[in-house]
Protein backbone atom coordinates (compact mmCIF):
# COMPACT_ATOMS: atom_id res chain seq x y z
CA MET A 1 127.52 35.34 122.08
CA ASP A 2 125.48 33.03 124.21
CA VAL A 3 122.40 34.56 123.42
CA ASP A 4 120.81 32.77 126.74
CA SER A 5 122.46 34.91 128.90
CA VAL A 6 121.70 38.18 127.50
CA PHE A 7 117.95 37.16 127.19
CA ARG A 8 118.23 36.34 130.97
CA ALA A 9 120.21 39.55 132.06
CA LEU A 10 117.58 41.33 129.86
CA ALA A 11 114.76 39.66 131.64
CA ASP A 12 115.01 40.90 134.52
CA PRO A 13 113.65 44.74 135.25
CA THR A 14 115.99 45.69 138.15
CA ARG A 15 118.71 44.64 135.12
CA ARG A 16 117.41 46.45 132.70
CA LYS A 17 117.19 49.61 134.98
CA LEU A 18 120.79 49.10 135.52
CA LEU A 19 121.28 49.40 131.97
CA ASP A 20 119.44 52.83 131.16
CA SER A 21 121.62 53.66 133.70
CA LEU A 22 124.67 53.18 132.17
CA HIS A 23 123.07 54.19 129.10
CA SER A 24 122.57 57.78 129.97
CA HIS A 25 125.86 58.08 131.75
CA SER A 26 128.36 54.92 131.35
CA GLY A 27 131.46 54.37 133.43
CA GLN A 28 129.57 54.53 136.71
CA SER A 29 131.22 53.13 140.15
CA LEU A 30 129.05 50.17 142.22
CA SER A 31 128.53 53.56 144.68
CA GLU A 32 126.60 55.74 142.08
CA LEU A 33 124.53 52.74 140.28
CA CYS A 34 123.27 52.21 143.84
CA ALA A 35 122.09 55.31 144.61
CA GLY A 36 119.05 54.97 142.00
CA MET A 37 118.25 51.76 143.60
CA LYS A 38 116.14 50.32 146.32
CA LEU A 39 118.16 47.52 146.67
CA THR A 40 121.25 46.71 148.77
CA ARG A 41 124.41 46.98 147.17
CA GLN A 42 125.32 43.12 147.14
CA ALA A 43 121.74 42.80 145.33
CA VAL A 44 122.99 45.55 142.86
CA THR A 45 126.44 43.84 142.60
CA GLN A 46 124.79 40.54 141.64
CA HIS A 47 122.81 41.76 139.11
CA ILE A 48 125.82 43.45 137.82
CA GLN A 49 127.24 40.50 137.64
CA LYS A 50 124.79 39.16 135.78
CA LEU A 51 125.10 41.28 133.10
CA GLU A 52 129.43 41.02 133.06
CA TYR A 53 128.28 37.30 132.20
CA ALA A 54 126.31 38.19 129.52
CA ASN A 55 128.93 40.68 128.51
CA LEU A 56 126.42 43.95 128.44
CA VAL A 57 128.65 45.82 131.14
CA SER A 58 132.42 45.57 131.22
CA THR A 59 134.35 47.28 133.84
CA VAL A 60 137.35 48.62 134.43
CA TRP A 61 139.54 49.63 137.54
CA GLN A 62 140.64 53.16 137.78
CA GLY A 63 142.87 53.01 140.91
CA ARG A 64 140.63 51.36 143.87
CA GLU A 65 137.74 51.76 142.19
CA LYS A 66 135.89 49.75 139.90
CA LEU A 67 133.85 51.57 136.93
CA HIS A 68 131.08 50.03 135.17
CA TYR A 69 130.13 50.09 131.44
CA LEU A 70 127.59 49.34 129.00
CA ASN A 71 128.91 46.90 126.06
CA PRO A 72 125.98 47.52 123.37
CA VAL A 73 127.29 44.84 121.19
CA PRO A 74 125.56 42.03 122.28
CA ILE A 75 122.07 43.81 122.33
CA GLN A 76 122.92 45.02 118.48
CA ASP A 77 123.59 41.16 118.06
CA LEU A 78 120.31 40.67 118.95
CA TYR A 79 118.89 42.85 116.75
CA ASP A 80 121.05 41.95 113.71
CA ARG A 81 119.78 38.37 114.30
CA TRP A 82 115.92 38.58 115.78
CA ILE A 83 114.48 42.07 115.38
CA HIS A 84 116.07 43.10 111.88
CA LYS A 85 114.45 40.12 109.93
CA PHE A 86 110.97 40.72 111.26
CA GLN A 87 111.06 44.64 111.16
CA LYS A 88 112.39 43.58 107.24
CA GLN A 89 108.73 41.81 106.75
CA HIS A 90 106.67 44.60 108.65
CA LEU A 91 108.34 46.92 106.34
CA GLU A 92 107.61 45.44 103.44
CA ALA A 93 104.07 44.40 104.42
CA LEU A 94 102.99 48.15 104.99
CA GLN A 95 105.02 49.13 101.78
CA SER A 96 103.12 46.92 99.96
CA ILE A 97 99.66 48.00 101.58
CA LYS A 98 100.52 51.57 100.62
CA ARG A 99 101.23 50.66 96.78
CA HIS A 100 97.66 48.92 97.09
CA ALA A 101 96.05 52.24 98.63
CA GLU A 102 97.38 54.40 96.15
CA GLU A 103 96.67 51.91 93.10
CA THR A 104 92.68 52.75 94.16
């Protein structure tokens, strides 16, 4: 996994909005994705390409229509590598505080 490309893709609010849209309704055409955006079709296409490069979006041709699907695996990989280990320390600290408070 190219972590840098995933972080770059997630850094842009427009791309996050596109991912949110695909999360709520995966398998959208470009026209459907453009409907909720205040961008040109070309601009949305460029954002989708960056999401595809980061492997956050996969596409499937259905006849003449290209459908876009959310691929949550890179986000889960980021969670496992970066977020989970910090979250564990935080939870352990909270448990320690709770034990200490209950003892006094």
